[in-house]
Amino acid sequence: MTFTGLRGTSRLTDNCCVNVAFFGDQLYAMTETNVVRRIDPENLKGIGEGVNLTDCMIAVNTASAHPHVLEDGTAINLGSQYKHKGGPHYCFVKIPPSNGNEG
């Protein structure tokens, strides 16, 4: 599957084959881009379309596929940003644990 219409990107694939991790109670497959894909932990099938982290107000162009998940479910990850006014740089991404809401 190819994603079209993602902000700043015309062709990204959903080849999330590097790692899987729980963000709260939701399982996601990921690779070294800013697109992750939610999957069903029972059958490992994809749920919905890929999620672009930029659309979730996380301003990164790439993100590591190896987040560190804290005991409370908070995920900490390393990303990079290319279009910052100070030039390209690394940034930490903090994703709070799920509060029981879908999405």
PDB file of N, CA and C in Angstrom:
ATOM      1  N   MET A   1       0.846  -1.171   0.000  1.00  0.00           N
ATOM      2  CA  MET A   1       0.000   0.000   0.000  1.00  0.00           C
ATOM      3  C   MET A   1       0.890   1.232   0.000  1.00  0.00           C
ATOM      4  N   THR A   2       0.512   2.249  -0.734  1.00  0.00           N
ATOM      5  CA  THR A   2       1.231   3.512  -0.770  1.00  0.00           C
ATOM      6  C   THR A   2       0.342   4.593  -0.214  1.00  0.00           C
ATOM      7  N   PHE A   3       0.883   5.386   0.688  1.00  0.00           N
ATOM      8  CA  PHE A   3       0.140   6.514   1.244  1.00  0.00           C
ATOM      9  C   PHE A   3       0.323   7.703   0.335  1.00  0.00           C
ATOM     10  N   THR A   4      -0.758   8.373   0.010  1.00  0.00           N
ATOM     11  CA  THR A   4      -0.668   9.616  -0.754  1.00  0.00           C
ATOM     12  C   THR A   4      -1.361  10.704   0.030  1.00  0.00           C
ATOM     13  N   GLY A   5      -0.931  11.903  -0.189  1.00  0.00           N
ATOM     14  CA  GLY A   5      -1.558  13.026   0.478  1.00  0.00           C
ATOM     15  C   GLY A   5      -1.033  13.283   1.880  1.00  0.00           C
ATOM     16  N   LEU A   6      -0.028  12.534   2.343  1.00  0.00           N
ATOM     17  CA  LEU A   6       0.557  12.822   3.641  1.00  0.00           C
ATOM     18  C   LEU A   6       1.357  14.106   3.531  1.00  0.00           C
ATOM     19  N   ARG A   7       1.317  14.900   4.559  1.00  0.00           N
ATOM     20  CA  ARG A   7       1.959  16.206   4.551  1.00  0.00           C
ATOM     21  C   ARG A   7       3.426  16.098   4.145  1.00  0.00           C
ATOM     22  N   GLY A   8       3.787  16.819   3.092  1.00  0.00           N
ATOM     23  CA  GLY A   8       5.164  16.879   2.655  1.00  0.00           C
ATOM     24  C   GLY A   8       5.665  15.626   1.961  1.00  0.00           C
ATOM     25  N   THR A   9       4.801  14.692   1.686  1.00  0.00           N
ATOM     26  CA  THR A   9       5.226  13.429   1.100  1.00  0.00           C
ATOM     27  C   THR A   9       4.215  12.977   0.066  1.00  0.00           C
ATOM     28  N   SER A  10       4.710  12.521  -1.053  1.00  0.00           N
ATOM     29  CA  SER A  10       3.777  12.004  -2.041  1.00  0.00           C
ATOM     30  C   SER A  10       3.817  10.486  -2.108  1.00  0.00           C
ATOM     31  N   ARG A  11       4.922   9.862  -1.674  1.00  0.00           N
ATOM     32  CA  ARG A  11       5.002   8.407  -1.751  1.00  0.00           C
ATOM     33  C   ARG A  11       5.759   7.855  -0.554  1.00  0.00           C
ATOM     34  N   LEU A  12       5.032   7.347   0.407  1.00  0.00           N
ATOM     35  CA  LEU A  12       5.612   6.595   1.516  1.00  0.00           C
ATOM     36  C   LEU A  12       4.944   5.238   1.521  1.00  0.00           C
ATOM     37  N   THR A  13       5.704   4.217   1.803  1.00  0.00           N
ATOM     38  CA  THR A  13       5.087   2.903   1.874  1.00  0.00           C
ATOM     39  C   THR A  13       4.793   2.554   3.318  1.00  0.00           C
ATOM     40  N   ASP A  14       3.966   1.578   3.510  1.00  0.00           N
ATOM     41  CA  ASP A  14       3.637   1.124   4.864  1.00  0.00           C
ATOM     42  C   ASP A  14       4.497  -0.072   5.248  1.00  0.00           C
ATOM     43  N   ASN A  15       5.712  -0.112   4.776  1.00  0.00           N
ATOM     44  CA  ASN A  15       6.620  -1.212   5.050  1.00  0.00           C
ATOM     45  C   ASN A  15       7.196  -1.066   6.459  1.00  0.00           C
ATOM     46  N   CYS A  16       6.350  -1.210   7.457  1.00  0.00           N
ATOM     47  CA  CYS A  16       6.743  -1.064   8.865  1.00  0.00           C
ATOM     48  C   CYS A  16       7.258  -2.401   9.373  1.00  0.00           C
ATOM     49  N   CYS A  17       8.479  -2.746   8.981  1.00  0.00           N
ATOM     50  CA  CYS A  17       8.982  -4.088   9.262  1.00  0.00           C
ATOM     51  C   CYS A  17      10.149  -4.118  10.243  1.00  0.00           C
ATOM     52  N   VAL A  18      10.417  -3.016  10.940  1.00  0.00           N
ATOM     53  CA  VAL A  18      11.587  -2.977  11.812  1.00  0.00           C
ATOM     54  C   VAL A  18      11.266  -3.382  13.249  1.00  0.00           C
ATOM     55  N   ASN A  19      10.141  -2.913  13.796  1.00  0.00           N
ATOM     56  CA  ASN A  19       9.856  -3.157  15.204  1.00  0.00           C
ATOM     57  C   ASN A  19       8.356  -3.034  15.456  1.00  0.00           C
ATOM     58  N   VAL A  20       7.918  -3.588  16.561  1.00  0.00           N
ATOM     59  CA  VAL A  20       6.564  -3.375  17.061  1.00  0.00           C
ATOM     60  C   VAL A  20       6.669  -2.941  18.514  1.00  0.00           C
ATOM     61  N   ALA A  21       5.739  -2.087  18.942  1.00  0.00           N
ATOM     62  CA  ALA A  21       5.746  -1.619  20.325  1.00  0.00           C
ATOM     63  C   ALA A  21       4.341  -1.191  20.711  1.00  0.00           C
ATOM     64  N   PHE A  22       4.042  -1.351  21.990  1.00  0.00           N
ATOM     65  CA  PHE A  22       2.779  -0.858  22.521  1.00  0.00           C
ATOM     66  C   PHE A  22       2.927   0.608  22.885  1.00  0.00           C
ATOM     67  N   PHE A  23       1.987   1.414  22.453  1.00  0.00           N
ATOM     68  CA  PHE A  23       1.817   2.779  22.929  1.00  0.00           C
ATOM     69  C   PHE A  23       0.517   2.737  23.712  1.00  0.00           C
ATOM     70  N   GLY A  24       0.627   2.738  25.032  1.00  0.00           N
ATOM     71  CA  GLY A  24      -0.550   2.514  25.855  1.00  0.00           C
ATOM     72  C   GLY A  24      -1.017   1.093  25.632  1.00  0.00           C
ATOM     73  N   ASP A  25      -2.289   0.925  25.249  1.00  0.00           N
ATOM     74  CA  ASP A  25      -2.823  -0.415  25.013  1.00  0.00           C
ATOM     75  C   ASP A  25      -2.937  -0.730  23.524  1.00  0.00           C
ATOM     76  N   GLN A  26      -2.308   0.069  22.678  1.00  0.00           N
ATOM     77  CA  GLN A  26      -2.380  -0.130  21.237  1.00  0.00           C
ATOM     78  C   GLN A  26      -1.016  -0.548  20.697  1.00  0.00           C
ATOM     79  N   LEU A  27      -1.008  -1.569  19.839  1.00  0.00           N
ATOM     80  CA  LEU A  27       0.226  -2.088  19.262  1.00  0.00           C
ATOM     81  C   LEU A  27       0.461  -1.446  17.901  1.00  0.00           C
ATOM     82  N   TYR A  28       1.691  -0.979  17.680  1.00  0.00           N
ATOM     83  CA  TYR A  28       2.054  -0.335  16.422  1.00  0.00           C
ATOM     84  C   TYR A  28       3.289  -0.993  15.828  1.00  0.00           C
ATOM     85  N   ALA A  29       3.293  -1.119  14.494  1.00  0.00           N
ATOM     86  CA  ALA A  29       4.475  -1.543  13.752  1.00  0.00           C
ATOM     87  C   ALA A  29       5.124  -0.280  13.204  1.00  0.00           C
ATOM     88  N   MET A  30       6.455  -0.274  13.146  1.00  0.00           N
ATOM     89  CA  MET A  30       7.125   0.946  12.714  1.00  0.00           C
ATOM     90  C   MET A  30       8.409   0.639  11.969  1.00  0.00           C
ATOM     91  N   THR A  31       8.870   1.659  11.275  1.00  0.00           N
ATOM     92  CA  THR A  31      10.161   1.625  10.605  1.00  0.00           C
ATOM     93  C   THR A  31      10.820   2.963  10.889  1.00  0.00           C
ATOM     94  N   GLU A  32      11.841   3.344  10.165  1.00  0.00           N
ATOM     95  CA  GLU A  32      12.599   4.563  10.465  1.00  0.00           C
ATOM     96  C   GLU A  32      12.020   5.790   9.756  1.00  0.00           C
ATOM     97  N   THR A  33      10.705   5.891   9.695  1.00  0.00           N
ATOM     98  CA  THR A  33      10.049   7.074   9.124  1.00  0.00           C
ATOM     99  C   THR A  33       9.141   7.670  10.190  1.00  0.00           C
ATOM    100  N   ASN A  34       8.371   8.669   9.823  1.00  0.00           N
ATOM    101  CA  ASN A  34       7.415   9.263  10.760  1.00  0.00           C
ATOM    102  C   ASN A  34       6.019   8.674  10.582  1.00  0.00           C
ATOM    103  N   VAL A  35       5.921   7.523   9.922  1.00  0.00           N
ATOM    104  CA  VAL A  35       4.638   6.840   9.731  1.00  0.00           C
ATOM    105  C   VAL A  35       4.677   5.517  10.497  1.00  0.00           C
ATOM    106  N   VAL A  36       3.679   5.314  11.353  1.00  0.00           N
ATOM    107  CA  VAL A  36       3.535   4.055  12.086  1.00  0.00           C
ATOM    108  C   VAL A  36       2.200   3.431  11.687  1.00  0.00           C
ATOM    109  N   ARG A  37       2.054   2.155  11.939  1.00  0.00           N
ATOM    110  CA  ARG A  37       0.822   1.467  11.543  1.00  0.00           C
ATOM    111  C   ARG A  37       0.293   0.677  12.727  1.00  0.00           C
ATOM    112  N   ARG A  38      -0.938   0.961  13.115  1.00  0.00           N
ATOM    113  CA  ARG A  38      -1.570   0.234  14.216  1.00  0.00           C
ATOM    114  C   ARG A  38      -1.924  -1.168  13.747  1.00  0.00           C
ATOM    115  N   ILE A  39      -1.642  -2.165  14.609  1.00  0.00           N
ATOM    116  CA  ILE A  39      -1.940  -3.548  14.254  1.00  0.00           C
ATOM    117  C   ILE A  39      -2.689  -4.224  15.398  1.00  0.00           C
ATOM    118  N   ASP A  40      -3.450  -5.220  15.033  1.00  0.00           N
ATOM    119  CA  ASP A  40      -4.221  -5.998  15.998  1.00  0.00           C
ATOM    120  C   ASP A  40      -3.283  -7.018  16.637  1.00  0.00           C
ATOM    121  N   PRO A  41      -3.106  -6.992  17.964  1.00  0.00           N
ATOM    122  CA  PRO A  41      -2.181  -7.929  18.603  1.00  0.00           C
ATOM    123  C   PRO A  41      -2.626  -9.394  18.528  1.00  0.00           C
ATOM    124  N   GLU A  42      -3.904  -9.633  18.252  1.00  0.00           N
ATOM    125  CA  GLU A  42      -4.404 -11.010  18.162  1.00  0.00           C
ATOM    126  C   GLU A  42      -4.027 -11.682  16.847  1.00  0.00           C
ATOM    127  N   ASN A  43      -4.169 -10.939  15.727  1.00  0.00           N
ATOM    128  CA  ASN A  43      -3.918 -11.555  14.420  1.00  0.00           C
ATOM    129  C   ASN A  43      -2.849 -10.835  13.600  1.00  0.00           C
ATOM    130  N   LEU A  44      -2.286  -9.754  14.128  1.00  0.00           N
ATOM    131  CA  LEU A  44      -1.230  -8.951  13.494  1.00  0.00           C
ATOM    132  C   LEU A  44      -1.649  -8.303  12.181  1.00  0.00           C
ATOM    133  N   LYS A  45      -2.944  -8.162  11.958  1.00  0.00           N
ATOM    134  CA  LYS A  45      -3.430  -7.449  10.775  1.00  0.00           C
ATOM    135  C   LYS A  45      -3.476  -5.964  11.069  1.00  0.00           C
ATOM    136  N   GLY A  46      -3.242  -5.166  10.011  1.00  0.00           N
ATOM    137  CA  GLY A  46      -3.293  -3.721  10.158  1.00  0.00           C
ATOM    138  C   GLY A  46      -4.693  -3.234  10.478  1.00  0.00           C
ATOM    139  N   ILE A  47      -4.764  -2.181  11.292  1.00  0.00           N
ATOM    140  CA  ILE A  47      -6.039  -1.541  11.629  1.00  0.00           C
ATOM    141  C   ILE A  47      -6.022  -0.150  11.020  1.00  0.00           C
ATOM    142  N   GLY A  48      -6.883   0.088  10.059  1.00  0.00           N
ATOM    143  CA  GLY A  48      -6.956   1.404   9.431  1.00  0.00           C
ATOM    144  C   GLY A  48      -5.732   1.706   8.591  1.00  0.00           C
ATOM    145  N   GLU A  49      -5.547   2.985   8.329  1.00  0.00           N
ATOM    146  CA  GLU A  49      -4.418   3.448   7.525  1.00  0.00           C
ATOM    147  C   GLU A  49      -3.234   3.747   8.432  1.00  0.00           C
ATOM    148  N   GLY A  50      -2.093   3.999   7.838  1.00  0.00           N
ATOM    149  CA  GLY A  50      -0.920   4.387   8.604  1.00  0.00           C
ATOM    150  C   GLY A  50      -1.156   5.729   9.282  1.00  0.00           C
ATOM    151  N   VAL A  51      -0.454   5.960  10.380  1.00  0.00           N
ATOM    152  CA  VAL A  51      -0.573   7.198  11.135  1.00  0.00           C
ATOM    153  C   VAL A  51       0.703   7.993  10.944  1.00  0.00           C
ATOM    154  N   ASN A  52       0.579   9.189  10.365  1.00  0.00           N
ATOM    155  CA  ASN A  52       1.720  10.073  10.193  1.00  0.00           C
ATOM    156  C   ASN A  52       1.873  10.871  11.486  1.00  0.00           C
ATOM    157  N   LEU A  53       3.014  10.735  12.173  1.00  0.00           N
ATOM    158  CA  LEU A  53       3.225  11.433  13.431  1.00  0.00           C
ATOM    159  C   LEU A  53       3.117  12.947  13.277  1.00  0.00           C
ATOM    160  N   THR A  54       3.451  13.463  12.101  1.00  0.00           N
ATOM    161  CA  THR A  54       3.325  14.902  11.851  1.00  0.00           C
ATOM    162  C   THR A  54       1.874  15.342  11.958  1.00  0.00           C
ATOM    163  N   ASP A  55       0.952  14.496  11.539  1.00  0.00           N
ATOM    164  CA  ASP A  55      -0.470  14.820  11.648  1.00  0.00           C
ATOM    165  C   ASP A  55      -0.951  14.793  13.097  1.00  0.00           C
ATOM    166  N   CYS A  56      -0.142  14.215  13.992  1.00  0.00           N
ATOM    167  CA  CYS A  56      -0.471  14.164  15.418  1.00  0.00           C
ATOM    168  C   CYS A  56       0.253  15.270  16.180  1.00  0.00           C
ATOM    169  N   MET A  57       0.656  16.307  15.473  1.00  0.00           N
ATOM    170  CA  MET A  57       1.344  17.466  16.059  1.00  0.00           C
ATOM    171  C   MET A  57       2.729  17.105  16.595  1.00  0.00           C
ATOM    172  N   ILE A  58       3.379  16.119  16.005  1.00  0.00           N
ATOM    173  CA  ILE A  58       4.752  15.770  16.350  1.00  0.00           C
ATOM    174  C   ILE A  58       5.591  16.119  15.125  1.00  0.00           C
ATOM    175  N   ALA A  59       6.348  17.197  15.214  1.00  0.00           N
ATOM    176  CA  ALA A  59       7.047  17.751  14.057  1.00  0.00           C
ATOM    177  C   ALA A  59       8.376  17.041  13.819  1.00  0.00           C
ATOM    178  N   VAL A  60       8.312  15.825  13.270  1.00  0.00           N
ATOM    179  CA  VAL A  60       9.526  15.093  12.915  1.00  0.00           C
ATOM    180  C   VAL A  60       9.408  14.599  11.483  1.00  0.00           C
ATOM    181  N   ASN A  61      10.557  14.522  10.821  1.00  0.00           N
ATOM    182  CA  ASN A  61      10.602  13.972   9.477  1.00  0.00           C
ATOM    183  C   ASN A  61      10.913  12.481   9.494  1.00  0.00           C
ATOM    184  N   THR A  62      11.663  12.047  10.504  1.00  0.00           N
ATOM    185  CA  THR A  62      11.930  10.628  10.710  1.00  0.00           C
ATOM    186  C   THR A  62      11.859  10.353  12.207  1.00  0.00           C
ATOM    187  N   ALA A  63      11.647   9.104  12.556  1.00  0.00           N
ATOM    188  CA  ALA A  63      11.634   8.704  13.964  1.00  0.00           C
ATOM    189  C   ALA A  63      12.242   7.315  14.067  1.00  0.00           C
ATOM    190  N   SER A  64      12.914   7.069  15.155  1.00  0.00           N
ATOM    191  CA  SER A  64      13.499   5.751  15.383  1.00  0.00           C
ATOM    192  C   SER A  64      12.380   4.713  15.493  1.00  0.00           C
ATOM    193  N   ALA A  65      12.685   3.499  15.121  1.00  0.00           N
ATOM    194  CA  ALA A  65      11.721   2.402  15.259  1.00  0.00           C
ATOM    195  C   ALA A  65      11.908   1.686  16.591  1.00  0.00           C
ATOM    196  N   HIS A  66      12.632   2.320  17.529  1.00  0.00           N
ATOM    197  CA  HIS A  66      12.955   1.671  18.794  1.00  0.00           C
ATOM    198  C   HIS A  66      12.640   2.590  19.970  1.00  0.00           C
ATOM    199  N   PRO A  67      11.351   2.879  20.205  1.00  0.00           N
ATOM    200  CA  PRO A  67      11.006   3.743  21.338  1.00  0.00           C
ATOM    201  C   PRO A  67      11.270   3.037  22.665  1.00  0.00           C
ATOM    202  N   HIS A  68      11.508   3.825  23.681  1.00  0.00           N
ATOM    203  CA  HIS A  68      11.620   3.301  25.045  1.00  0.00           C
ATOM    204  C   HIS A  68      10.287   3.558  25.727  1.00  0.00           C
ATOM    205  N   VAL A  69       9.649   2.511  26.203  1.00  0.00           N
ATOM    206  CA  VAL A  69       8.346   2.640  26.842  1.00  0.00           C
ATOM    207  C   VAL A  69       8.546   2.557  28.359  1.00  0.00           C
ATOM    208  N   LEU A  70       8.111   3.604  29.060  1.00  0.00           N
ATOM    209  CA  LEU A  70       8.270   3.669  30.505  1.00  0.00           C
ATOM    210  C   LEU A  70       7.196   2.838  31.195  1.00  0.00           C
ATOM    211  N   GLU A  71       7.339   2.618  32.493  1.00  0.00           N
ATOM    212  CA  GLU A  71       6.399   1.782  33.247  1.00  0.00           C
ATOM    213  C   GLU A  71       4.962   2.269  33.157  1.00  0.00           C
ATOM    214  N   ASP A  72       4.749   3.598  33.072  1.00  0.00           N
ATOM    215  CA  ASP A  72       3.385   4.136  33.001  1.00  0.00           C
ATOM    216  C   ASP A  72       2.811   4.111  31.588  1.00  0.00           C
ATOM    217  N   GLY A  73       3.578   3.607  30.606  1.00  0.00           N
ATOM    218  CA  GLY A  73       3.104   3.534  29.232  1.00  0.00           C
ATOM    219  C   GLY A  73       3.562   4.686  28.352  1.00  0.00           C
ATOM    220  N   THR A  74       4.208   5.684  28.923  1.00  0.00           N
ATOM    221  CA  THR A  74       4.744   6.793  28.136  1.00  0.00           C
ATOM    222  C   THR A  74       5.855   6.275  27.238  1.00  0.00           C
ATOM    223  N   ALA A  75       5.827   6.644  25.958  1.00  0.00           N
ATOM    224  CA  ALA A  75       6.867   6.240  25.017  1.00  0.00           C
ATOM    225  C   ALA A  75       7.779   7.439  24.739  1.00  0.00           C
ATOM    226  N   ILE A  76       9.080   7.209  24.809  1.00  0.00           N
ATOM    227  CA  ILE A  76      10.082   8.221  24.493  1.00  0.00           C
ATOM    228  C   ILE A  76      10.839   7.720  23.270  1.00  0.00           C
ATOM    229  N   ASN A  77      10.974   8.591  22.265  1.00  0.00           N
ATOM    230  CA  ASN A  77      11.631   8.184  21.034  1.00  0.00           C
ATOM    231  C   ASN A  77      12.531   9.306  20.540  1.00  0.00           C
ATOM    232  N   LEU A  78      13.417   8.980  19.623  1.00  0.00           N
ATOM    233  CA  LEU A  78      14.306   9.950  19.012  1.00  0.00           C
ATOM    234  C   LEU A  78      13.860  10.182  17.583  1.00  0.00           C
ATOM    235  N   GLY A  79      13.726  11.449  17.211  1.00  0.00           N
ATOM    236  CA  GLY A  79      13.344  11.803  15.853  1.00  0.00           C
ATOM    237  C   GLY A  79      14.321  12.804  15.288  1.00  0.00           C
ATOM    238  N   SER A  80      14.150  13.136  14.027  1.00  0.00           N
ATOM    239  CA  SER A  80      14.948  14.193  13.415  1.00  0.00           C
ATOM    240  C   SER A  80      14.024  15.131  12.670  1.00  0.00           C
ATOM    241  N   GLN A  81      14.467  16.358  12.590  1.00  0.00           N
ATOM    242  CA  GLN A  81      13.688  17.412  11.948  1.00  0.00           C
ATOM    243  C   GLN A  81      14.613  18.143  10.987  1.00  0.00           C
ATOM    244  N   TYR A  82      14.171  18.289   9.730  1.00  0.00           N
ATOM    245  CA  TYR A  82      15.025  18.888   8.711  1.00  0.00           C
ATOM    246  C   TYR A  82      14.719  20.351   8.453  1.00  0.00           C
ATOM    247  N   LYS A  83      13.494  20.779   8.691  1.00  0.00           N
ATOM    248  CA  LYS A  83      13.079  22.126   8.299  1.00  0.00           C
ATOM    249  C   LYS A  83      12.954  23.068   9.482  1.00  0.00           C
ATOM    250  N   HIS A  84      13.770  22.920  10.495  1.00  0.00           N
ATOM    251  CA  HIS A  84      13.748  23.799  11.654  1.00  0.00           C
ATOM    252  C   HIS A  84      14.530  25.066  11.325  1.00  0.00           C
ATOM    253  N   LYS A  85      14.120  26.187  11.903  1.00  0.00           N
ATOM    254  CA  LYS A  85      14.794  27.456  11.607  1.00  0.00           C
ATOM    255  C   LYS A  85      16.273  27.439  11.998  1.00  0.00           C
ATOM    256  N   GLY A  86      16.646  26.577  12.943  1.00  0.00           N
ATOM    257  CA  GLY A  86      18.045  26.458  13.342  1.00  0.00           C
ATOM    258  C   GLY A  86      18.809  25.416  12.546  1.00  0.00           C
ATOM    259  N   GLY A  87      18.180  24.839  11.540  1.00  0.00           N
ATOM    260  CA  GLY A  87      18.815  23.803  10.736  1.00  0.00           C
ATOM    261  C   GLY A  87      18.419  22.417  11.222  1.00  0.00           C
ATOM    262  N   PRO A  88      18.875  21.397  10.528  1.00  0.00           N
ATOM    263  CA  PRO A  88      18.530  20.018  10.910  1.00  0.00           C
ATOM    264  C   PRO A  88      19.008  19.698  12.322  1.00  0.00           C
ATOM    265  N   HIS A  89      18.200  18.948  13.048  1.00  0.00           N
ATOM    266  CA  HIS A  89      18.600  18.547  14.391  1.00  0.00           C
ATOM    267  C   HIS A  89      17.780  17.349  14.860  1.00  0.00           C
ATOM    268  N   TYR A  90      18.265  16.724  15.935  1.00  0.00           N
ATOM    269  CA  TYR A  90      17.556  15.623  16.572  1.00  0.00           C
ATOM    270  C   TYR A  90      16.584  16.183  17.605  1.00  0.00           C
ATOM    271  N   CYS A  91      15.523  15.455  17.866  1.00  0.00           N
ATOM    272  CA  CYS A  91      14.586  15.871  18.915  1.00  0.00           C
ATOM    273  C   CYS A  91      14.000  14.624  19.579  1.00  0.00           C
ATOM    274  N   PHE A  92      13.653  14.779  20.838  1.00  0.00           N
ATOM    275  CA  PHE A  92      13.008  13.699  21.566  1.00  0.00           C
ATOM    276  C   PHE A  92      11.502  13.824  21.398  1.00  0.00           C
ATOM    277  N   VAL A  93      10.846  12.693  21.244  1.00  0.00           N
ATOM    278  CA  VAL A  93       9.400  12.632  21.093  1.00  0.00           C
ATOM    279  C   VAL A  93       8.847  11.912  22.322  1.00  0.00           C
ATOM    280  N   LYS A  94       7.879  12.531  22.974  1.00  0.00           N
ATOM    281  CA  LYS A  94       7.239  11.929  24.146  1.00  0.00           C
ATOM    282  C   LYS A  94       5.768  11.695  23.806  1.00  0.00           C
ATOM    283  N   ILE A  95       5.358  10.429  23.839  1.00  0.00           N
ATOM    284  CA  ILE A  95       3.974  10.065  23.547  1.00  0.00           C
ATOM    285  C   ILE A  95       3.363   9.581  24.856  1.00  0.00           C
ATOM    286  N   PRO A  96       2.371  10.325  25.383  1.00  0.00           N
ATOM    287  CA  PRO A  96       1.783   9.930  26.664  1.00  0.00           C
ATOM    288  C   PRO A  96       1.022   8.613  26.539  1.00  0.00           C
ATOM    289  N   PRO A  97       0.811   7.943  27.667  1.00  0.00           N
ATOM    290  CA  PRO A  97       0.069   6.679  27.621  1.00  0.00           C
ATOM    291  C   PRO A  97      -1.379   6.911  27.192  1.00  0.00           C
ATOM    292  N   SER A  98      -1.982   5.867  26.666  1.00  0.00           N
ATOM    293  CA  SER A  98      -3.379   5.933  26.231  1.00  0.00           C
ATOM    294  C   SER A  98      -4.279   6.238  27.408  1.00  0.00           C
ATOM    295  N   ASN A  99      -5.296   7.059  27.152  1.00  0.00           N
ATOM    296  CA  ASN A  99      -6.263   7.354  28.215  1.00  0.00           C
ATOM    297  C   ASN A  99      -7.568   6.620  27.974  1.00  0.00           C
ATOM    298  N   GLY A 100      -7.510   5.548  27.190  1.00  0.00           N
ATOM    299  CA  GLY A 100      -8.699   4.746  26.924  1.00  0.00           C
ATOM    300  C   GLY A 100      -9.461   5.188  25.686  1.00  0.00           C
ATOM    301  N   ASN A 101      -9.020   6.257  25.014  1.00  0.00           N
ATOM    302  CA  ASN A 101      -9.682   6.723  23.803  1.00  0.00           C
ATOM    303  C   ASN A 101      -9.159   5.958  22.609  1.00  0.00           C
ATOM    304  N   GLU A 102      -9.992   5.802  21.609  1.00  0.00           N
ATOM    305  CA  GLU A 102      -9.569   5.189  20.361  1.00  0.00           C
ATOM    306  C   GLU A 102      -8.745   6.193  19.580  1.00  0.00           C
ATOM    307  N   GLY A 103      -7.756   5.684  18.790  1.00  0.00           N
ATOM    308  CA  GLY A 103      -6.975   6.554  17.898  1.00  0.00           C
ATOM    309  C   GLY A 103      -5.665   6.999  18.472  1.00  0.00           C
TER     310      GLY A 103
END
